Protein backbone atom coordinates (compact mmCIF):
# COMPACT_ATOMS: atom_id res chain seq x y z
CA MET A 1 -2.39 -5.94 -19.94
CA GLU A 2 -4.16 -3.03 -21.65
CA LYS A 3 -5.69 -2.10 -18.31
CA ILE A 4 -2.24 -1.83 -16.75
CA TYR A 5 -0.99 0.25 -19.69
CA LYS A 6 -3.93 2.64 -19.16
CA ILE A 7 -3.16 2.79 -15.43
CA ILE A 8 0.40 3.86 -16.31
CA GLU A 9 -0.95 6.63 -18.53
CA VAL A 10 -3.40 7.80 -15.83
CA ILE A 11 -0.69 7.84 -13.16
CA LEU A 12 1.64 9.89 -15.36
CA GLU A 13 -1.21 12.32 -16.04
CA GLU A 14 -1.86 12.56 -12.29
CA MET A 15 1.84 13.33 -11.86
CA GLY A 16 1.41 16.23 -14.28
CA TYR A 17 2.62 14.70 -17.55
CA LEU A 18 0.92 14.44 -20.92
CA ILE A 19 2.16 11.66 -23.15
CA PHE A 20 2.48 12.86 -26.73
CA GLU A 21 5.22 10.71 -28.17
CA LYS A 22 4.23 7.11 -28.58
CA ASP A 23 6.06 4.75 -30.89
CA GLY A 24 3.51 2.15 -31.95
CA ASN A 25 1.59 2.54 -28.70
CA ASP A 26 4.75 2.34 -26.62
CA PHE A 27 6.90 4.93 -24.89
CA ASP A 28 9.80 5.19 -22.49
CA ILE A 29 8.39 5.90 -19.02
CA ARG A 30 11.83 7.19 -18.00
CA ASP A 31 11.16 10.25 -20.16
CA TYR A 32 8.58 11.25 -17.53
CA VAL A 33 9.92 9.67 -14.34
CA GLY A 34 13.34 11.26 -14.16
CA ASP A 35 14.61 10.91 -10.61
CA SER A 36 14.50 8.48 -7.71
CA LEU A 37 11.71 10.28 -5.84
CA GLN A 38 9.47 10.29 -8.91
CA PHE A 39 10.32 6.65 -9.50
CA ILE A 40 9.26 5.60 -6.00
CA ASP A 41 6.14 7.78 -6.27
CA PHE A 42 5.28 6.11 -9.58
CA ILE A 43 5.69 2.57 -8.16
CA VAL A 44 3.65 3.42 -5.03
CA ARG A 45 0.87 4.88 -7.18
CA ILE A 46 0.75 1.70 -9.28
CA GLU A 47 0.52 -0.40 -6.13
CA GLU A 48 -2.30 1.79 -4.83
CA LYS A 49 -4.25 1.54 -8.10
CA LEU A 50 -3.78 -2.22 -8.29
CA LYS A 51 -4.31 -2.68 -4.55
CA PHE A 52 -1.36 -5.05 -4.61
CA GLU A 53 2.25 -4.72 -3.46
CA LEU A 54 4.80 -5.34 -6.18
CA SER A 55 7.95 -7.31 -5.46
CA ASP A 56 11.36 -5.70 -5.10
CA ASP A 57 12.10 -6.83 -8.68
CA PHE A 58 10.14 -3.77 -9.78
CA LEU A 59 12.59 -1.40 -8.11
CA ASP A 60 14.77 -1.45 -11.23
CA TYR A 61 14.64 1.87 -13.06
CA ASP A 62 15.53 0.21 -16.37
CA LEU A 63 12.18 -1.63 -16.34
CA LEU A 64 10.63 1.70 -17.28
CA SER A 65 12.29 1.75 -20.72
CA SER A 66 9.07 0.46 -22.29
CA ALA A 67 5.51 1.04 -21.12
CA ASN A 68 4.46 -2.15 -22.90
CA GLY A 69 7.29 -4.16 -21.36
CA PHE A 70 6.54 -2.81 -17.90
CA SER A 71 2.82 -3.53 -18.36
CA ASN A 72 3.61 -7.11 -19.40
CA LYS A 73 5.85 -7.63 -16.37
CA VAL A 74 3.20 -6.27 -13.98
CA PHE A 75 0.51 -8.38 -15.66
CA SER A 76 2.62 -11.55 -15.39
CA PHE A 77 3.46 -10.79 -11.77
CA LEU A 78 -0.20 -10.30 -10.86
CA GLU A 79 -1.26 -13.38 -12.79
CA ASP A 80 1.37 -15.51 -11.01
CA ASN A 81 0.34 -14.18 -7.60
CA TYR A 82 -3.38 -14.68 -8.16
CA LYS A 83 -2.74 -18.32 -9.12
CA ASN A 84 -0.86 -18.97 -5.88
């Protein structure tokens, strides 16, 4: 899960953002990904880094309310798909 969290940070940096405000090692990704084009770009970049296509369940903007929560969801998704 930490690897996915780091990937999120790297992607946001690649998109031109520096993350300064973290509340206990968590932050709201929506503070950086503000519109639908940035959102799709963000999801595509994650898929490219992971070399894995995420399900349509990840096309919910509200999932970005917590970097930790989003990391956990991606981790669980990948874990479930590697088992099958």
